Protein backbone atom coordinates (compact mmCIF):
# COMPACT_ATOMS: atom_id res chain seq x y z
CA UNK A 1 -24.12 1.26 48.11
CA UNK A 2 -24.66 0.71 45.74
CA UNK A 3 -27.19 -1.49 46.00
CA UNK A 4 -31.72 -0.93 47.38
CA UNK A 5 -31.07 1.77 50.80
CA UNK A 6 -30.49 -0.27 47.62
CA UNK A 7 -26.30 2.10 49.79
CA UNK A 8 -23.61 0.87 48.71
CA UNK A 9 -26.71 1.76 47.35
CA UNK A 10 -29.65 1.84 49.93
CA UNK A 11 -32.70 -0.52 50.47
CA UNK A 12 -35.98 0.00 48.57
CA UNK A 13 -39.10 1.83 49.73
CA UNK A 14 -41.42 -0.66 48.09
CA UNK A 15 -43.87 -1.55 50.87
CA UNK A 16 -45.98 0.89 52.80
CA UNK A 17 -44.74 0.93 56.39
CA UNK A 18 -47.18 -0.33 58.94
CA UNK A 19 -48.47 1.93 61.65
CA UNK A 20 -46.12 2.43 64.52
CA UNK A 21 -46.51 -0.27 67.12
CA UNK A 22 -46.18 0.24 70.83
CA UNK A 23 -42.60 0.37 72.13
CA UNK A 24 -41.27 -2.91 73.34
CA UNK A 25 -39.35 -6.00 72.47
CA UNK A 26 -40.74 -6.05 68.93
CA UNK A 27 -39.29 -2.65 68.09
CA UNK A 28 -35.95 -3.54 69.66
CA UNK A 29 -35.82 -6.57 67.39
CA UNK A 30 -36.78 -4.41 64.40
CA UNK A 31 -33.95 -1.99 65.19
CA UNK A 32 -31.57 -4.94 65.31
CA UNK A 33 -32.80 -6.03 61.86
CA UNK A 34 -32.14 -2.56 60.39
CA UNK A 35 -28.68 -2.31 61.92
CA UNK A 36 -27.91 -5.84 60.73
CA UNK A 37 -28.98 -4.86 57.23
CA UNK A 38 -26.71 -1.79 57.29
CA UNK A 39 -23.72 -3.87 58.40
CA UNK A 40 -24.47 -6.49 55.75
CA UNK A 41 -24.75 -3.89 53.01
CA UNK A 42 -21.57 -2.00 53.86
CA UNK A 43 -19.44 -5.09 54.46
CA UNK A 44 -20.79 -6.35 51.13
CA UNK A 45 -19.38 -3.18 49.57
CA UNK A 46 -16.03 -3.95 51.17
CA UNK A 47 -16.11 -7.44 49.63
CA UNK A 48 -16.94 -5.87 46.27
CA UNK A 49 -13.73 -3.86 46.53
CA UNK A 50 -11.81 -7.15 46.57
CA UNK A 51 -13.31 -7.99 43.16
CA UNK A 52 -12.14 -4.89 41.31
CA UNK A 53 -8.76 -6.34 40.36
CA UNK A 54 -10.47 -9.39 38.86
CA UNK A 55 -13.42 -8.00 36.90
CA UNK A 56 -13.36 -4.21 37.32
CA UNK A 57 -16.19 -2.01 38.61
CA UNK A 58 -18.58 -2.73 35.67
CA UNK A 59 -18.01 -6.46 36.13
CA UNK A 60 -18.84 -6.23 39.83
CA UNK A 61 -22.07 -4.40 38.99
CA UNK A 62 -23.00 -7.09 36.45
CA UNK A 63 -22.36 -9.91 38.91
CA UNK A 64 -24.22 -8.20 41.75
CA UNK A 65 -27.30 -7.18 39.76
CA UNK A 66 -27.54 -10.47 37.84
CA UNK A 67 -27.39 -12.66 40.94
CA UNK A 68 -29.72 -10.33 42.85
CA UNK A 69 -32.21 -10.30 39.96
CA UNK A 70 -32.19 -14.10 39.73
CA UNK A 71 -32.85 -14.46 43.46
CA UNK A 72 -35.58 -11.79 43.58
CA UNK A 73 -37.33 -13.07 40.45
CA UNK A 74 -37.33 -16.60 41.88
CA UNK A 75 -38.75 -15.39 45.19
CA UNK A 76 -41.31 -12.88 43.87
CA UNK A 77 -42.32 -14.52 40.58
CA UNK A 78 -43.81 -11.24 39.33
CA UNK A 79 -46.63 -11.36 36.80
CA UNK A 80 -45.65 -10.00 33.38
CA UNK A 81 -49.20 -9.48 32.17
CA UNK A 82 -51.89 -7.09 33.28
CA UNK A 83 -49.66 -4.02 33.55
CA UNK A 84 -50.10 -0.76 31.68
CA UNK A 85 -47.49 0.96 29.54
CA UNK A 86 -46.95 3.54 32.28
CA UNK A 87 -46.19 0.76 34.77
CA UNK A 88 -43.44 -0.62 32.55
CA UNK A 89 -42.05 2.88 32.00
CA UNK A 90 -41.68 3.24 35.76
CA UNK A 91 -39.98 -0.16 36.04
CA UNK A 92 -37.53 0.65 33.24
CA UNK A 93 -36.69 4.03 34.78
CA UNK A 94 -36.35 2.34 38.17
CA UNK A 95 -33.94 -0.20 36.65
CA UNK A 96 -31.89 2.53 34.97
CA UNK A 97 -31.59 4.38 38.28
CA UNK A 98 -30.68 1.17 40.09
CA UNK A 99 -28.02 0.19 37.55
CA UNK A 100 -26.61 3.71 37.31
CA UNK A 101 -26.45 4.07 41.08
CA UNK A 102 -24.48 0.84 41.43
CA UNK A 103 -22.12 1.56 38.54
CA UNK A 104 -21.28 5.07 39.74
CA UNK A 105 -20.87 3.92 43.33
CA UNK A 106 -18.46 1.13 42.44
CA UNK A 107 -16.49 3.47 40.18
CA UNK A 108 -16.14 5.73 43.21
CA UNK A 109 -15.24 2.80 45.45
CA UNK A 110 -12.42 1.85 43.09
CA UNK A 111 -10.87 5.30 43.64
CA UNK A 112 -11.65 6.53 47.17
CA UNK A 113 -12.14 4.90 50.61
CA UNK A 114 -15.46 3.22 51.33
CA UNK A 115 -16.39 5.55 54.21
CA UNK A 116 -15.76 8.62 52.09
CA UNK A 117 -17.70 7.23 49.12
CA UNK A 118 -20.78 6.44 51.21
CA UNK A 119 -20.60 9.81 52.98
CA UNK A 120 -20.65 11.65 49.66
CA UNK A 121 -23.29 9.33 48.21
CA UNK A 122 -25.69 9.89 51.10
CA UNK A 123 -25.83 13.59 50.18
CA UNK A 124 -28.29 12.70 47.41
CA UNK A 125 -31.00 11.40 49.77
CA UNK A 126 -30.11 14.14 52.24
CA UNK A 127 -30.82 16.87 49.68
CA UNK A 128 -34.05 15.10 48.80
CA UNK A 129 -35.00 15.08 52.47
CA UNK A 130 -34.30 18.80 52.84
CA UNK A 131 -36.41 19.61 49.77
CA UNK A 132 -39.22 17.35 50.96
CA UNK A 133 -39.33 18.93 54.42
CA UNK A 134 -39.88 22.47 53.09
CA UNK A 135 -38.89 23.87 56.48
CA UNK A 136 -36.42 26.62 57.19
CA UNK A 137 -34.85 24.49 59.93
CA UNK A 138 -33.96 21.85 57.32
CA UNK A 139 -31.40 24.20 55.83
CA UNK A 140 -29.51 24.02 59.13
CA UNK A 141 -29.08 20.30 58.52
CA UNK A 142 -27.94 21.05 54.99
CA UNK A 143 -25.35 23.50 56.35
CA UNK A 144 -24.13 20.86 58.80
CA UNK A 145 -23.73 18.36 55.96
CA UNK A 146 -21.89 20.97 53.89
CA UNK A 147 -19.48 21.49 56.78
CA UNK A 148 -18.80 17.77 56.78
CA UNK A 149 -18.15 17.73 53.04
CA UNK A 150 -15.77 20.70 53.35
CA UNK A 151 -13.85 18.81 56.02
CA UNK A 152 -13.65 15.78 53.74
CA UNK A 153 -12.37 17.95 50.92
CA UNK A 154 -9.63 19.41 53.11
CA UNK A 155 -8.51 16.01 54.36
CA UNK A 156 -6.71 13.15 52.65
CA UNK A 157 -9.60 10.66 52.76
CA UNK A 158 -10.33 11.06 49.08
CA UNK A 159 -6.71 10.62 48.11
CA UNK A 160 -7.00 13.74 45.97
CA UNK A 161 -9.15 11.79 43.48
CA UNK A 162 -11.71 14.27 42.21
CA UNK A 163 -13.10 11.68 39.79
CA UNK A 164 -13.86 9.35 42.68
CA UNK A 165 -15.68 12.11 44.53
CA UNK A 166 -17.62 13.01 41.37
CA UNK A 167 -18.67 9.38 40.89
CA UNK A 168 -19.84 9.22 44.52
CA UNK A 169 -21.89 12.41 44.14
CA UNK A 170 -23.36 11.06 40.90
CA UNK A 171 -24.32 7.87 42.73
CA UNK A 172 -26.03 10.04 45.33
CA UNK A 173 -28.07 11.78 42.63
CA UNK A 174 -29.10 8.41 41.21
CA UNK A 175 -29.96 7.26 44.75
CA UNK A 176 -32.38 10.19 45.06
CA UNK A 177 -33.98 9.24 41.73
CA UNK A 178 -34.09 5.62 42.88
CA UNK A 179 -36.00 6.62 46.03
CA UNK A 180 -38.64 8.50 44.06
CA UNK A 181 -39.03 5.70 41.51
CA UNK A 182 -39.12 3.01 44.22
CA UNK A 183 -42.11 4.75 45.75
CA UNK A 184 -43.91 4.87 42.39
CA UNK A 185 -43.09 1.25 41.61
CA UNK A 186 -44.38 0.23 45.02
CA UNK A 187 -47.73 1.85 44.27
CA UNK A 188 -48.05 0.14 40.88
CA UNK A 189 -46.78 -3.38 41.62
CA UNK A 190 -47.67 -5.70 44.52
CA UNK A 191 -45.16 -6.66 47.21
CA UNK A 192 -41.57 -6.43 45.86
CA UNK A 193 -42.49 -7.28 42.25
CA UNK A 194 -41.49 -3.83 40.99
CA UNK A 195 -38.07 -4.16 42.61
CA UNK A 196 -37.52 -7.63 41.14
CA UNK A 197 -38.40 -6.45 37.64
CA UNK A 198 -36.29 -3.30 37.99
CA UNK A 199 -33.35 -5.39 39.18
CA UNK A 200 -33.70 -7.52 36.04
CA UNK A 201 -33.71 -4.36 33.88
CA UNK A 202 -30.60 -3.09 35.67
CA UNK A 203 -28.86 -6.43 35.19
CA UNK A 204 -29.61 -6.45 31.46
CA UNK A 205 -28.34 -2.89 31.07
CA UNK A 206 -25.13 -3.71 32.94
CA UNK A 207 -24.29 -6.78 30.85
CA UNK A 208 -22.63 -4.99 27.88
CA UNK A 209 -20.21 -2.93 30.01
CA UNK A 210 -19.52 -5.85 32.33
CA UNK A 211 -18.83 -8.39 29.61
CA UNK A 212 -16.73 -6.01 27.52
CA UNK A 213 -14.67 -4.94 30.52
CA UNK A 214 -14.22 -8.31 32.21
CA UNK A 215 -14.89 -10.87 29.47
CA UNK A 216 -14.44 -14.49 30.51
CA UNK A 217 -13.19 -13.38 33.95
CA UNK A 218 -16.85 -13.07 34.94
CA UNK A 219 -17.10 -16.87 34.73
CA UNK A 220 -14.09 -17.47 36.96
CA UNK A 221 -15.26 -19.56 39.95
CA UNK A 222 -13.66 -17.21 42.48
CA UNK A 223 -15.20 -14.15 40.81
CA UNK A 224 -18.59 -15.85 40.68
CA UNK A 225 -18.37 -16.79 44.37
CA UNK A 226 -17.36 -13.28 45.42
CA UNK A 227 -20.02 -11.77 43.14
CA UNK A 228 -22.67 -13.97 44.71
CA UNK A 229 -21.45 -12.94 48.17
CA UNK A 230 -21.70 -9.27 47.20
CA UNK A 231 -25.23 -9.77 45.86
CA UNK A 232 -26.38 -11.59 49.00
CA UNK A 233 -24.66 -9.22 51.44
CA UNK A 234 -25.42 -5.95 49.64
CA UNK A 235 -28.87 -6.65 48.19
CA UNK A 236 -30.80 -9.77 49.12
CA UNK A 237 -30.04 -9.96 52.86
CA UNK A 238 -30.33 -6.24 53.75
CA UNK A 239 -33.48 -5.82 51.65
CA UNK A 240 -35.08 -8.78 53.41
CA UNK A 241 -34.10 -7.56 56.86
CA UNK A 242 -35.34 -4.05 56.17
CA UNK A 243 -38.64 -5.20 54.73
CA UNK A 244 -39.18 -7.28 57.87
CA UNK A 245 -38.28 -4.35 60.12
CA UNK A 246 -40.71 -1.97 58.37
CA UNK A 247 -43.62 -4.10 59.59
CA UNK A 248 -42.80 -3.21 63.21
CA UNK A 249 -40.82 0.02 63.12
CA UNK A 250 -42.00 3.62 62.52
CA UNK A 251 -40.69 4.98 59.22
CA UNK A 252 -39.05 7.96 60.94
CA UNK A 253 -37.01 5.72 63.22
CA UNK A 254 -36.07 3.54 60.26
CA UNK A 255 -34.86 6.55 58.26
CA UNK A 256 -32.70 7.83 61.11
CA UNK A 257 -31.13 4.40 61.57
CA UNK A 258 -30.29 4.28 57.86
CA UNK A 259 -28.32 7.49 58.36
CA UNK A 260 -25.70 5.40 60.16
CA UNK A 261 -24.53 3.99 56.81
CA UNK A 262 -21.46 6.27 56.38
CA UNK A 263 -20.15 5.41 59.86
CA UNK A 264 -20.64 1.67 59.30
CA UNK A 265 -19.00 2.00 55.88
CA UNK A 266 -15.95 3.63 57.47
CA UNK A 267 -15.76 0.74 59.94
CA UNK A 268 -16.05 -1.85 57.16
CA UNK A 269 -13.37 -0.07 55.15
CA UNK A 270 -11.01 -0.17 58.09
CA UNK A 271 -11.63 -3.79 59.12
CA UNK A 272 -11.80 -5.39 55.67
CA UNK A 273 -9.73 -3.09 53.46
CA UNK A 274 -7.35 -1.45 55.95
CA UNK A 275 -8.59 2.04 55.04
CA UNK A 276 -7.82 4.22 58.04
CA UNK A 277 -9.43 7.64 58.34
CA UNK A 278 -7.96 10.52 60.30
CA UNK A 279 -9.65 12.58 63.00
CA UNK A 280 -10.75 15.20 60.47
CA UNK A 281 -12.39 12.65 58.16
CA UNK A 282 -14.04 10.90 61.12
CA UNK A 283 -15.51 14.20 62.29
CA UNK A 284 -16.72 14.93 58.75
CA UNK A 285 -18.54 11.59 58.60
CA UNK A 286 -20.16 12.19 61.98
CA UNK A 287 -21.37 15.62 60.83
CA UNK A 288 -22.97 14.13 57.73
CA UNK A 289 -24.55 11.32 59.77
CA UNK A 290 -26.05 13.87 62.19
CA UNK A 291 -27.26 16.08 59.33
CA UNK A 292 -28.81 13.13 57.52
CA UNK A 293 -30.59 11.94 60.66
CA UNK A 294 -32.01 15.40 61.34
CA UNK A 295 -33.06 15.96 57.75
CA UNK A 296 -34.91 12.68 57.36
CA UNK A 297 -36.75 13.23 60.63
CA UNK A 298 -38.01 16.54 59.24
CA UNK A 299 -38.91 14.98 55.87
CA UNK A 300 -41.06 12.31 57.50
CA UNK A 301 -43.33 15.11 58.73
CA UNK A 302 -43.50 16.58 55.19
CA UNK A 303 -43.52 13.63 52.76
CA UNK A 304 -42.79 13.84 49.07
CA UNK A 305 -45.74 14.07 46.67
CA UNK A 306 -47.28 10.64 46.32
CA UNK A 307 -45.92 9.36 49.63
CA UNK A 308 -47.82 8.78 52.81
CA UNK A 309 -46.92 10.76 55.89
CA UNK A 310 -45.23 7.71 57.27
CA UNK A 311 -43.10 7.08 54.21
CA UNK A 312 -39.38 7.57 54.49
CA UNK A 313 -37.40 9.09 51.68
CA UNK A 314 -34.22 7.39 52.77
CA UNK A 315 -35.31 3.82 52.23
């Protein structure tokens, strides 16, 4: 996830979605962009898992955020002047949430299967969606998600690693904070400038833990190549695809599509890492996917304070 739906961490809600266009080929293409971004992000998380033995989870976070920040800063070239103190406070908080989300997610990924980690992480945005909806029916979706989590807890998908589950849940909480701060940054900075600056803050904050934990291994050519691949797959490419899709796709549809992340993560874990999930764990993931899709659909009708009615809380 973590990365934006920054999923791993999810993609950012920086731009305001355009008004829904008429159904047709354009929306089909937009759906393909979103799904492509989800696959890129989750397979990027699988590649990150291959780096743990070389640089550890903090080292992976440092490589991912540093490369992503360099790319985004080069593309956006955000202005450093003309911003108020409150704007910078939002950017710093955004960067802290971004860095914390990635660090906690990769700590979870080092301990439990990818599909399980993303399923637990997505509970953060799901809870945010339920709170935003303020509807009694939303609690049905929360109950469905809880049933999925109970099934995960009874199965062997987590390998009995309570620390891994705790890290994944912590990443979910940071993801919820990230969503709220992404919306505020988007209203204070043009285009994706707020994201680029927040990514730089996150990279700077991750440097001490990454360098202490990995040392010179961070400069190993193989580690650098894999780190760049993780940054491109988990951050740069999915963010770009999702920003393009938001110009043509209703926010509600986008949010529901993003709910597919746990299922895609389970697929990536199986194909890249050989992490097989049993029938019980597969059912648990499907329950959480269904609950997340239902909850975000309800939240789109009742947006969070400061968001437009079209804004998705699961970006």
